[in-house]
C-alpha atoms as a PDB file:
ATOM      1  CA  UNK A   1      27.080   0.061  25.595  1.00  0.00           C
ATOM      2  CA  UNK A   2      25.819  -3.117  23.831  1.00  0.00           C
ATOM      3  CA  UNK A   3      22.711  -2.233  21.298  1.00  0.00           C
ATOM      4  CA  UNK A   4      19.678  -3.330  23.142  1.00  0.00           C
ATOM      5  CA  UNK A   5      21.687  -6.190  25.137  1.00  0.00           C
ATOM      6  CA  UNK A   6      22.518  -7.963  21.719  1.00  0.00           C
ATOM      7  CA  UNK A   7      19.020  -7.549  19.779  1.00  0.00           C
ATOM      8  CA  UNK A   8      21.398  -6.504  16.766  1.00  0.00           C
ATOM      9  CA  UNK A   9      23.267  -9.947  16.531  1.00  0.00           C
ATOM     10  CA  UNK A  10      20.459 -12.003  17.225  1.00  0.00           C
ATOM     11  CA  UNK A  11      17.614 -10.151  15.543  1.00  0.00           C
ATOM     12  CA  UNK A  12      14.078 -10.662  16.350  1.00  0.00           C
ATOM     13  CA  UNK A  13      11.440 -13.282  16.684  1.00  0.00           C
ATOM     14  CA  UNK A  14       8.232 -12.757  14.790  1.00  0.00           C
ATOM     15  CA  UNK A  15       5.418 -14.385  16.695  1.00  0.00           C
ATOM     16  CA  UNK A  16       3.033 -14.108  13.696  1.00  0.00           C
ATOM     17  CA  UNK A  17       0.291 -16.481  14.168  1.00  0.00           C
ATOM     18  CA  UNK A  18       2.129 -19.106  15.990  1.00  0.00           C
ATOM     19  CA  UNK A  19       0.141 -19.745  18.727  1.00  0.00           C
ATOM     20  CA  UNK A  20      -2.450 -21.449  15.938  1.00  0.00           C
ATOM     21  CA  UNK A  21      -0.227 -23.910  14.286  1.00  0.00           C
ATOM     22  CA  UNK A  22      -3.303 -25.379  12.053  1.00  0.00           C
ATOM     23  CA  UNK A  23      -4.348 -21.782  10.967  1.00  0.00           C
ATOM     24  CA  UNK A  24      -0.524 -21.470   9.893  1.00  0.00           C
ATOM     25  CA  UNK A  25      -0.650 -24.117   7.309  1.00  0.00           C
ATOM     26  CA  UNK A  26      -4.151 -22.947   6.154  1.00  0.00           C
ATOM     27  CA  UNK A  27      -2.489 -19.330   5.530  1.00  0.00           C
ATOM     28  CA  UNK A  28       0.493 -20.521   3.765  1.00  0.00           C
ATOM     29  CA  UNK A  29      -1.127 -22.191   1.146  1.00  0.00           C
ATOM     30  CA  UNK A  30      -3.319 -18.977   0.636  1.00  0.00           C
ATOM     31  CA  UNK A  31      -0.869 -16.426   0.950  1.00  0.00           C
ATOM     32  CA  UNK A  32       1.324 -18.230  -1.644  1.00  0.00           C
ATOM     33  CA  UNK A  33      -1.359 -18.408  -3.621  1.00  0.00           C
ATOM     34  CA  UNK A  34      -2.104 -14.612  -3.329  1.00  0.00           C
ATOM     35  CA  UNK A  35       1.456 -13.691  -3.812  1.00  0.00           C
ATOM     36  CA  UNK A  36       1.647 -15.665  -7.069  1.00  0.00           C
ATOM     37  CA  UNK A  37      -1.557 -13.456  -7.960  1.00  0.00           C
ATOM     38  CA  UNK A  38       0.153 -10.384  -7.181  1.00  0.00           C
ATOM     39  CA  UNK A  39       3.337 -11.084  -8.882  1.00  0.00           C
ATOM     40  CA  UNK A  40       1.158 -12.204 -12.142  1.00  0.00           C
ATOM     41  CA  UNK A  41      -1.235  -9.323 -11.988  1.00  0.00           C
ATOM     42  CA  UNK A  42       0.617  -5.855 -11.284  1.00  0.00           C
ATOM     43  CA  UNK A  43       3.504  -7.469 -13.722  1.00  0.00           C
ATOM     44  CA  UNK A  44       0.840  -7.754 -16.304  1.00  0.00           C
ATOM     45  CA  UNK A  45      -0.681  -4.327 -15.657  1.00  0.00           C
ATOM     46  CA  UNK A  46       2.990  -2.617 -15.797  1.00  0.00           C
ATOM     47  CA  UNK A  47       3.560  -4.770 -18.954  1.00  0.00           C
ATOM     48  CA  UNK A  48       0.626  -3.699 -20.879  1.00  0.00           C
ATOM     49  CA  UNK A  49       0.570  -0.252 -19.849  1.00  0.00           C
ATOM     50  CA  UNK A  50       4.161  -0.152 -21.186  1.00  0.00           C
ATOM     51  CA  UNK A  51       3.481  -2.114 -24.550  1.00  0.00           C
ATOM     52  CA  UNK A  52      -0.091  -0.664 -25.838  1.00  0.00           C
ATOM     53  CA  UNK A  53       0.075   2.723 -27.015  1.00  0.00           C
ATOM     54  CA  UNK A  54      -3.710   3.394 -26.268  1.00  0.00           C
ATOM     55  CA  UNK A  55      -2.592   3.314 -22.592  1.00  0.00           C
ATOM     56  CA  UNK A  56       0.062   5.731 -22.769  1.00  0.00           C
ATOM     57  CA  UNK A  57      -1.752   8.211 -20.819  1.00  0.00           C
ATOM     58  CA  UNK A  58      -1.690   9.737 -17.297  1.00  0.00           C
ATOM     59  CA  UNK A  59      -4.243   7.251 -15.694  1.00  0.00           C
ATOM     60  CA  UNK A  60      -1.953   3.974 -16.454  1.00  0.00           C
ATOM     61  CA  UNK A  61       1.043   6.028 -15.898  1.00  0.00           C
ATOM     62  CA  UNK A  62      -0.081   6.426 -12.312  1.00  0.00           C
ATOM     63  CA  UNK A  63      -1.651   2.971 -12.441  1.00  0.00           C
ATOM     64  CA  UNK A  64       1.880   1.240 -13.320  1.00  0.00           C
ATOM     65  CA  UNK A  65       3.415   3.178 -10.330  1.00  0.00           C
ATOM     66  CA  UNK A  66       0.907   1.682  -8.088  1.00  0.00           C
ATOM     67  CA  UNK A  67       1.173  -1.834  -9.335  1.00  0.00           C
ATOM     68  CA  UNK A  68       5.092  -1.339  -8.829  1.00  0.00           C
ATOM     69  CA  UNK A  69       4.473  -0.156  -5.218  1.00  0.00           C
ATOM     70  CA  UNK A  70       2.177  -3.389  -4.866  1.00  0.00           C
ATOM     71  CA  UNK A  71       4.906  -5.743  -6.127  1.00  0.00           C
ATOM     72  CA  UNK A  72       7.911  -4.286  -3.917  1.00  0.00           C
ATOM     73  CA  UNK A  73       5.775  -3.669  -0.848  1.00  0.00           C
ATOM     74  CA  UNK A  74       4.324  -7.294  -1.292  1.00  0.00           C
ATOM     75  CA  UNK A  75       7.688  -8.543  -1.801  1.00  0.00           C
ATOM     76  CA  UNK A  76       9.423  -7.240   1.118  1.00  0.00           C
ATOM     77  CA  UNK A  77       7.062  -8.837   3.387  1.00  0.00           C
ATOM     78  CA  UNK A  78       5.437 -12.288   2.042  1.00  0.00           C
ATOM     79  CA  UNK A  79       8.700 -13.970   1.212  1.00  0.00           C
ATOM     80  CA  UNK A  80      10.008 -13.862   4.656  1.00  0.00           C
ATOM     81  CA  UNK A  81       6.047 -14.617   6.252  1.00  0.00           C
ATOM     82  CA  UNK A  82       5.944 -17.652   4.217  1.00  0.00           C
ATOM     83  CA  UNK A  83       9.327 -18.683   5.584  1.00  0.00           C
ATOM     84  CA  UNK A  84       8.169 -18.268   9.232  1.00  0.00           C
ATOM     85  CA  UNK A  85       4.677 -20.334   8.472  1.00  0.00           C
ATOM     86  CA  UNK A  86       6.488 -22.854   6.952  1.00  0.00           C
ATOM     87  CA  UNK A  87       8.829 -23.521   9.664  1.00  0.00           C
ATOM     88  CA  UNK A  88       9.160 -23.450  13.039  1.00  0.00           C
ATOM     89  CA  UNK A  89      11.834 -20.913  13.023  1.00  0.00           C
ATOM     90  CA  UNK A  90      10.142 -17.568  13.796  1.00  0.00           C
ATOM     91  CA  UNK A  91      13.322 -15.271  13.668  1.00  0.00           C
ATOM     92  CA  UNK A  92      14.383 -12.512  11.541  1.00  0.00           C
ATOM     93  CA  UNK A  93      17.748 -11.150  11.169  1.00  0.00           C
ATOM     94  CA  UNK A  94      18.058  -7.622  12.127  1.00  0.00           C
ATOM     95  CA  UNK A  95      19.090  -6.478   8.746  1.00  0.00           C
ATOM     96  CA  UNK A  96      15.842  -8.119   7.370  1.00  0.00           C
ATOM     97  CA  UNK A  97      13.588  -6.409  10.380  1.00  0.00           C
ATOM     98  CA  UNK A  98      15.220  -3.111   9.342  1.00  0.00           C
ATOM     99  CA  UNK A  99      14.728  -3.575   5.499  1.00  0.00           C
ATOM    100  CA  UNK A 100      11.015  -4.481   6.119  1.00  0.00           C
ATOM    101  CA  UNK A 101      10.748  -1.556   8.411  1.00  0.00           C
ATOM    102  CA  UNK A 102      12.323   0.875   6.077  1.00  0.00           C
ATOM    103  CA  UNK A 103      10.935  -0.516   2.586  1.00  0.00           C
ATOM    104  CA  UNK A 104       7.248  -1.283   3.850  1.00  0.00           C
ATOM    105  CA  UNK A 105       6.742   2.188   5.584  1.00  0.00           C
ATOM    106  CA  UNK A 106       8.387   4.010   2.374  1.00  0.00           C
ATOM    107  CA  UNK A 107       6.219   2.118  -0.072  1.00  0.00           C
ATOM    108  CA  UNK A 108       2.701   2.344   2.044  1.00  0.00           C
ATOM    109  CA  UNK A 109       3.597   6.209   2.711  1.00  0.00           C
ATOM    110  CA  UNK A 110       3.829   6.815  -1.005  1.00  0.00           C
ATOM    111  CA  UNK A 111       0.835   4.889  -1.978  1.00  0.00           C
ATOM    112  CA  UNK A 112      -1.294   7.144   0.064  1.00  0.00           C
ATOM    113  CA  UNK A 113      -0.107  10.147  -1.505  1.00  0.00           C
ATOM    114  CA  UNK A 114      -0.063   8.149  -4.949  1.00  0.00           C
ATOM    115  CA  UNK A 115      -3.881   7.542  -4.555  1.00  0.00           C
ATOM    116  CA  UNK A 116      -4.465  11.345  -3.972  1.00  0.00           C
ATOM    117  CA  UNK A 117      -2.797  12.262  -6.938  1.00  0.00           C
ATOM    118  CA  UNK A 118      -4.697   9.621  -8.972  1.00  0.00           C
ATOM    119  CA  UNK A 119      -7.960  11.336  -7.563  1.00  0.00           C
ATOM    120  CA  UNK A 120      -6.771  14.547  -8.919  1.00  0.00           C
ATOM    121  CA  UNK A 121      -6.254  12.962 -12.294  1.00  0.00           C
ATOM    122  CA  UNK A 122      -9.756  11.826 -12.365  1.00  0.00           C
ATOM    123  CA  UNK A 123     -11.112  15.509 -11.344  1.00  0.00           C
ATOM    124  CA  UNK A 124      -9.449  16.643 -14.116  1.00  0.00           C
ATOM    125  CA  UNK A 125     -10.714  13.973 -16.831  1.00  0.00           C
ATOM    126  CA  UNK A 126     -14.234  14.621 -15.305  1.00  0.00           C
ATOM    127  CA  UNK A 127     -14.438  18.189 -14.331  1.00  0.00           C
ATOM    128  CA  UNK A 128     -12.031  19.748 -16.831  1.00  0.00           C
ATOM    129  CA  UNK A 129     -12.083  17.289 -19.952  1.00  0.00           C
ATOM    130  CA  UNK A 130     -10.875  20.111 -22.280  1.00  0.00           C
ATOM    131  CA  UNK A 131      -7.887  21.060 -20.192  1.00  0.00           C
ATOM    132  CA  UNK A 132      -7.038  17.226 -19.482  1.00  0.00           C
ATOM    133  CA  UNK A 133      -4.236  17.245 -21.966  1.00  0.00           C
ATOM    134  CA  UNK A 134      -2.904  20.620 -20.952  1.00  0.00           C
ATOM    135  CA  UNK A 135      -3.190  20.045 -17.387  1.00  0.00           C
ATOM    136  CA  UNK A 136      -2.016  16.263 -17.212  1.00  0.00           C
ATOM    137  CA  UNK A 137       0.917  17.138 -19.623  1.00  0.00           C
ATOM    138  CA  UNK A 138       3.889  14.024 -19.010  1.00  0.00           C
ATOM    139  CA  UNK A 139       6.329  16.673 -17.238  1.00  0.00           C
ATOM    140  CA  UNK A 140       3.465  17.555 -14.736  1.00  0.00           C
ATOM    141  CA  UNK A 141       2.594  13.824 -14.115  1.00  0.00           C
ATOM    142  CA  UNK A 142       6.400  12.955 -13.568  1.00  0.00           C
ATOM    143  CA  UNK A 143       6.697  15.897 -10.985  1.00  0.00           C
ATOM    144  CA  UNK A 144       3.354  14.487  -9.099  1.00  0.00           C
ATOM    145  CA  UNK A 145       4.760  11.016  -9.001  1.00  0.00           C
ATOM    146  CA  UNK A 146       8.103  11.945  -7.685  1.00  0.00           C
ATOM    147  CA  UNK A 147       6.339  14.075  -5.080  1.00  0.00           C
ATOM    148  CA  UNK A 148       4.826  10.844  -4.130  1.00  0.00           C
ATOM    149  CA  UNK A 149       8.082   8.784  -3.929  1.00  0.00           C
ATOM    150  CA  UNK A 150      10.090  11.168  -2.218  1.00  0.00           C
ATOM    151  CA  UNK A 151       7.191  11.979   0.414  1.00  0.00           C
ATOM    152  CA  UNK A 152       7.269   8.111   0.867  1.00  0.00           C
ATOM    153  CA  UNK A 153      11.127   8.106   1.340  1.00  0.00           C
ATOM    154  CA  UNK A 154      11.428  11.104   3.662  1.00  0.00           C
ATOM    155  CA  UNK A 155       8.946   9.778   6.285  1.00  0.00           C
ATOM    156  CA  UNK A 156      10.433   6.492   6.381  1.00  0.00           C
ATOM    157  CA  UNK A 157      14.128   7.731   6.841  1.00  0.00           C
ATOM    158  CA  UNK A 158      12.482   9.847   9.714  1.00  0.00           C
ATOM    159  CA  UNK A 159       9.936   7.255  11.152  1.00  0.00           C
ATOM    160  CA  UNK A 160      12.345   4.228  11.015  1.00  0.00           C
ATOM    161  CA  UNK A 161      15.396   5.857  12.121  1.00  0.00           C
ATOM    162  CA  UNK A 162      13.837   7.397  15.190  1.00  0.00           C
ATOM    163  CA  UNK A 163      12.059   3.995  16.215  1.00  0.00           C
ATOM    164  CA  UNK A 164      15.637   2.120  15.738  1.00  0.00           C
ATOM    165  CA  UNK A 165      17.232   4.473  17.772  1.00  0.00           C
ATOM    166  CA  UNK A 166      14.962   3.105  20.905  1.00  0.00           C
ATOM    167  CA  UNK A 167      16.520   0.519  23.495  1.00  0.00           C
ATOM    168  CA  UNK A 168      14.555  -2.471  23.618  1.00  0.00           C
ATOM    169  CA  UNK A 169      16.758  -4.127  26.328  1.00  0.00           C
ATOM    170  CA  UNK A 170      17.052  -7.495  25.173  1.00  0.00           C
ATOM    171  CA  UNK A 171      13.119  -7.623  24.131  1.00  0.00           C
ATOM    172  CA  UNK A 172      13.183  -9.908  20.479  1.00  0.00           C
ATOM    173  CA  UNK A 173       9.611 -10.923  20.617  1.00  0.00           C
ATOM    174  CA  UNK A 174       7.766  -9.100  17.905  1.00  0.00           C
ATOM    175  CA  UNK A 175       3.749  -9.875  18.378  1.00  0.00           C
ATOM    176  CA  UNK A 176       3.554  -9.422  14.414  1.00  0.00           C
ATOM    177  CA  UNK A 177       4.449 -11.209  11.207  1.00  0.00           C
ATOM    178  CA  UNK A 178       6.680  -8.241   9.896  1.00  0.00           C
ATOM    179  CA  UNK A 179       8.415  -5.305  11.411  1.00  0.00           C
ATOM    180  CA  UNK A 180       6.524  -2.114  11.541  1.00  0.00           C
ATOM    181  CA  UNK A 181       6.542   0.917  13.461  1.00  0.00           C
ATOM    182  CA  UNK A 182       3.803   0.462  15.902  1.00  0.00           C
ATOM    183  CA  UNK A 183       5.148  -2.994  17.116  1.00  0.00           C
ATOM    184  CA  UNK A 184       8.516  -2.096  17.194  1.00  0.00           C
ATOM    185  CA  UNK A 185       7.623   1.124  19.520  1.00  0.00           C
ATOM    186  CA  UNK A 186       5.845  -1.316  22.131  1.00  0.00           C
ATOM    187  CA  UNK A 187       9.037  -3.302  22.638  1.00  0.00           C
ATOM    188  CA  UNK A 188      10.947  -0.411  23.706  1.00  0.00           C
ATOM    189  CA  UNK A 189      11.809  -0.143  27.377  1.00  0.00           C
ATOM    190  CA  UNK A 190      11.746   3.329  27.739  1.00  0.00           C
ATOM    191  CA  UNK A 191       9.141   6.368  27.668  1.00  0.00           C
ATOM    192  CA  UNK A 192       7.994   6.698  23.913  1.00  0.00           C
ATOM    193  CA  UNK A 193       5.482   9.225  24.158  1.00  0.00           C
ATOM    194  CA  UNK A 194       7.586  11.316  21.888  1.00  0.00           C
ATOM    195  CA  UNK A 195       7.674   8.385  19.291  1.00  0.00           C
ATOM    196  CA  UNK A 196       3.899   8.031  19.298  1.00  0.00           C
ATOM    197  CA  UNK A 197       3.154  11.399  19.071  1.00  0.00           C
ATOM    198  CA  UNK A 198       5.389  11.501  16.179  1.00  0.00           C
ATOM    199  CA  UNK A 199       3.620   8.240  14.795  1.00  0.00           C
ATOM    200  CA  UNK A 200       0.250  10.003  14.997  1.00  0.00           C
ATOM    201  CA  UNK A 201       1.224  13.129  13.244  1.00  0.00           C
ATOM    202  CA  UNK A 202       2.616  11.101  10.391  1.00  0.00           C
ATOM    203  CA  UNK A 203      -0.006   9.218  10.303  1.00  0.00           C
ATOM    204  CA  UNK A 204      -2.516  12.359  10.205  1.00  0.00           C
ATOM    205  CA  UNK A 205      -0.354  13.579   7.228  1.00  0.00           C
ATOM    206  CA  UNK A 206      -0.493  10.717   5.032  1.00  0.00           C
ATOM    207  CA  UNK A 207      -3.835   9.289   5.966  1.00  0.00           C
ATOM    208  CA  UNK A 208      -5.987  11.968   7.011  1.00  0.00           C
ATOM    209  CA  UNK A 209      -4.669  14.756   4.489  1.00  0.00           C
ATOM    210  CA  UNK A 210      -4.361  12.646   1.219  1.00  0.00           C
ATOM    211  CA  UNK A 211      -8.021  11.241   2.058  1.00  0.00           C
ATOM    212  CA  UNK A 212      -9.659  14.848   2.482  1.00  0.00           C
ATOM    213  CA  UNK A 213      -7.846  15.721  -0.950  1.00  0.00           C
ATOM    214  CA  UNK A 214      -9.593  12.555  -2.320  1.00  0.00           C
ATOM    215  CA  UNK A 215     -12.984  13.281  -1.028  1.00  0.00           C
ATOM    216  CA  UNK A 216     -12.881  16.999  -2.240  1.00  0.00           C
ATOM    217  CA  UNK A 217     -12.063  15.807  -5.607  1.00  0.00           C
ATOM    218  CA  UNK A 218     -14.715  13.231  -5.658  1.00  0.00           C
ATOM    219  CA  UNK A 219     -16.977  15.682  -4.306  1.00  0.00           C
ATOM    220  CA  UNK A 220     -16.373  18.098  -7.415  1.00  0.00           C
ATOM    221  CA  UNK A 221     -16.494  14.905  -9.690  1.00  0.00           C
ATOM    222  CA  UNK A 222     -20.155  14.163  -8.230  1.00  0.00           C
ATOM    223  CA  UNK A 223     -21.457  17.766  -8.893  1.00  0.00           C
ATOM    224  CA  UNK A 224     -20.231  17.392 -12.381  1.00  0.00           C
ATOM    225  CA  UNK A 225     -21.676  13.967 -13.268  1.00  0.00           C
ATOM    226  CA  UNK A 226     -24.953  15.022 -11.664  1.00  0.00           C
ATOM    227  CA  UNK A 227     -25.015  17.964 -14.373  1.00  0.00           C
ATOM    228  CA  UNK A 228     -24.505  15.568 -17.070  1.00  0.00           C
ATOM    229  CA  UNK A 229     -28.026  15.152 -18.496  1.00  0.00           C
ATOM    230  CA  UNK A 230     -27.274  12.277 -20.663  1.00  0.00           C
ATOM    231  CA  UNK A 231     -27.501   8.681 -18.843  1.00  0.00           C
ATOM    232  CA  UNK A 232     -24.708   7.458 -21.076  1.00  0.00           C
ATOM    233  CA  UNK A 233     -22.887  10.478 -20.289  1.00  0.00           C
ATOM    234  CA  UNK A 234     -23.362   9.494 -16.350  1.00  0.00           C
ATOM    235  CA  UNK A 235     -22.408   6.064 -16.740  1.00  0.00           C
ATOM    236  CA  UNK A 236     -18.920   7.115 -18.766  1.00  0.00           C
ATOM    237  CA  UNK A 237     -17.935   9.316 -16.097  1.00  0.00           C
ATOM    238  CA  UNK A 238     -18.763   6.778 -13.442  1.00  0.00           C
ATOM    239  CA  UNK A 239     -16.715   3.915 -14.973  1.00  0.00           C
ATOM    240  CA  UNK A 240     -13.801   6.509 -15.437  1.00  0.00           C
ATOM    241  CA  UNK A 241     -13.876   6.882 -11.450  1.00  0.00           C
ATOM    242  CA  UNK A 242     -15.066   3.696  -9.805  1.00  0.00           C
ATOM    243  CA  UNK A 243     -12.231   1.270 -10.066  1.00  0.00           C
ATOM    244  CA  UNK A 244     -10.186   4.035  -8.374  1.00  0.00           C
ATOM    245  CA  UNK A 245     -12.578   4.733  -5.890  1.00  0.00           C
ATOM    246  CA  UNK A 246     -13.187   1.118  -5.063  1.00  0.00           C
ATOM    247  CA  UNK A 247      -9.430   1.092  -4.334  1.00  0.00           C
ATOM    248  CA  UNK A 248      -9.479   4.007  -2.221  1.00  0.00           C
ATOM    249  CA  UNK A 249     -12.436   2.785  -0.094  1.00  0.00           C
ATOM    250  CA  UNK A 250     -10.552  -0.594   0.761  1.00  0.00           C
ATOM    251  CA  UNK A 251      -7.283   0.578   1.227  1.00  0.00           C
ATOM    252  CA  UNK A 252      -7.753   3.837   3.324  1.00  0.00           C
ATOM    253  CA  UNK A 253     -10.597   1.716   5.196  1.00  0.00           C
ATOM    254  CA  UNK A 254      -8.049  -0.818   6.354  1.00  0.00           C
ATOM    255  CA  UNK A 255      -5.261   1.553   7.146  1.00  0.00           C
ATOM    256  CA  UNK A 256      -7.074   3.972   9.145  1.00  0.00           C
ATOM    257  CA  UNK A 257      -8.342   1.445  11.455  1.00  0.00           C
ATOM    258  CA  UNK A 258      -5.000  -0.007  12.141  1.00  0.00           C
ATOM    259  CA  UNK A 259      -3.102   3.540  12.418  1.00  0.00           C
ATOM    260  CA  UNK A 260      -5.480   5.766  13.573  1.00  0.00           C
ATOM    261  CA  UNK A 261      -8.081   3.443  15.980  1.00  0.00           C
ATOM    262  CA  UNK A 262      -6.631   3.504  19.602  1.00  0.00           C
ATOM    263  CA  UNK A 263      -4.565   0.391  20.147  1.00  0.00           C
ATOM    264  CA  UNK A 264      -6.469  -0.257  23.471  1.00  0.00           C
ATOM    265  CA  UNK A 265      -9.643  -0.946  21.424  1.00  0.00           C
ATOM    266  CA  UNK A 266      -8.465  -3.413  19.122  1.00  0.00           C
ATOM    267  CA  UNK A 267      -7.058  -7.480  19.803  1.00  0.00           C
ATOM    268  CA  UNK A 268      -3.839  -8.372  18.793  1.00  0.00           C
ATOM    269  CA  UNK A 269      -5.245 -11.056  16.504  1.00  0.00           C
ATOM    270  CA  UNK A 270      -7.265  -7.929  14.857  1.00  0.00           C
ATOM    271  CA  UNK A 271      -4.787  -5.876  14.257  1.00  0.00           C
ATOM    272  CA  UNK A 272      -2.684  -8.848  12.448  1.00  0.00           C
ATOM    273  CA  UNK A 273      -5.314  -9.995  10.367  1.00  0.00           C
ATOM    274  CA  UNK A 274      -5.952  -6.018   9.162  1.00  0.00           C
ATOM    275  CA  UNK A 275      -2.311  -5.871   8.315  1.00  0.00           C
ATOM    276  CA  UNK A 276      -2.382  -9.190   6.512  1.00  0.00           C
ATOM    277  CA  UNK A 277      -5.295  -7.835   4.325  1.00  0.00           C
ATOM    278  CA  UNK A 278      -3.575  -4.379   3.450  1.00  0.00           C
ATOM    279  CA  UNK A 279      -0.039  -6.083   2.907  1.00  0.00           C
ATOM    280  CA  UNK A 280      -1.097  -9.230   0.962  1.00  0.00           C
ATOM    281  CA  UNK A 281      -4.672  -9.309  -0.197  1.00  0.00           C
ATOM    282  CA  UNK A 282      -4.657  -5.466  -1.503  1.00  0.00           C
ATOM    283  CA  UNK A 283      -1.630  -5.633  -3.731  1.00  0.00           C
ATOM    284  CA  UNK A 284      -3.756  -8.636  -5.302  1.00  0.00           C
ATOM    285  CA  UNK A 285      -6.610  -7.258  -5.297  1.00  0.00           C
ATOM    286  CA  UNK A 286      -6.020  -3.617  -7.115  1.00  0.00           C
ATOM    287  CA  UNK A 287      -4.750  -5.436 -10.433  1.00  0.00           C
ATOM    288  CA  UNK A 288      -8.103  -7.180 -10.665  1.00  0.00           C
ATOM    289  CA  UNK A 289     -10.146  -4.205  -9.561  1.00  0.00           C
ATOM    290  CA  UNK A 290      -8.515  -2.246 -12.274  1.00  0.00           C
ATOM    291  CA  UNK A 291      -8.875  -4.950 -14.954  1.00  0.00           C
ATOM    292  CA  UNK A 292     -12.335  -6.068 -14.748  1.00  0.00           C
ATOM    293  CA  UNK A 293     -13.890  -2.800 -14.457  1.00  0.00           C
ATOM    294  CA  UNK A 294     -12.044  -1.381 -17.124  1.00  0.00           C
ATOM    295  CA  UNK A 295     -12.622  -2.164 -20.888  1.00  0.00           C
ATOM    296  CA  UNK A 296      -9.293  -0.360 -22.128  1.00  0.00           C
ATOM    297  CA  UNK A 297      -7.107  -2.701 -20.108  1.00  0.00           C
ATOM    298  CA  UNK A 298      -9.181  -5.902 -20.638  1.00  0.00           C
ATOM    299  CA  UNK A 299      -8.713  -4.928 -24.580  1.00  0.00           C
ATOM    300  CA  UNK A 300      -5.094  -4.173 -23.996  1.00  0.00           C
ATOM    301  CA  UNK A 301      -5.026  -8.094 -22.291  1.00  0.00           C
ATOM    302  CA  UNK A 302      -6.595  -9.592 -24.986  1.00  0.00           C
ATOM    303  CA  UNK A 303      -4.497  -7.877 -27.369  1.00  0.00           C
ATOM    304  CA  UNK A 304      -1.528  -8.586 -25.695  1.00  0.00           C
ATOM    305  CA  UNK A 305      -2.448 -12.538 -25.035  1.00  0.00           C
ATOM    306  CA  UNK A 306      -3.063 -12.659 -28.671  1.00  0.00           C
ATOM    307  CA  UNK A 307      -0.010 -11.848 -29.889  1.00  0.00           C
ATOM    308  CA  UNK A 308       1.553 -13.787 -27.364  1.00  0.00           C
ATOM    309  CA  UNK A 309      -0.056 -17.041 -28.207  1.00  0.00           C
END
């Protein structure tokens, strides 16, 4: 049987924002700038975390993983998006779509788990400071990071493979700017109840469960901070967690809106702009948030720039 009437040979058409040609020109310039800032910001975070000995601790170990995730996720989507925005050709090859599908889902799922791991690190730092070095030793940190990556790879192997098994019956127009599971499921010409149920279960596992663990960690952190009598001590504890908490709020807010909100309750453009935010804007914001609100990172950057110049 021909694979979905030749879709494998012809690839897909990413509709994106083609119904708004004037908006495409604006988006091209904005996204190109954001992508450059993403590459620069996340590469800098990784570099200073490796080179500055003061940043050789669990917090910056996980932050380096987060920056690497953002680099890879943005690079798997943004170049193709820029090509489509800058030309009349909106097509993507079947192989390119498969790569986007597998890579973006793996990295997004890994980031969900990694943010939960980072919240546990902050919990130990604030609530059990005397045991921090013992609990968060390098071997345990490597295990936690490996678990995050393994969970992301596992879910994309299951979800993406199941999605690609669906017959599309020649449907090639993807009403989005990149290939992801929900929009490809909509192209299928068969009953997708099982795929929808599997997508919902995966969304709960990678959104609700990690977010619940994060809220539990920060609930304990809040109790510990309130018990600190010194105002300076409370401010120090708050600074320790504020950057990560801000990233969690922005990231999970947009992702939950996209994946757990009923599809009928949001417009197509709404979904596209939300996806644009967490695939293009968020990878650029993360290094800014951690840099602007973190004295250690700012000091490491000044030291690095001083040596470079």
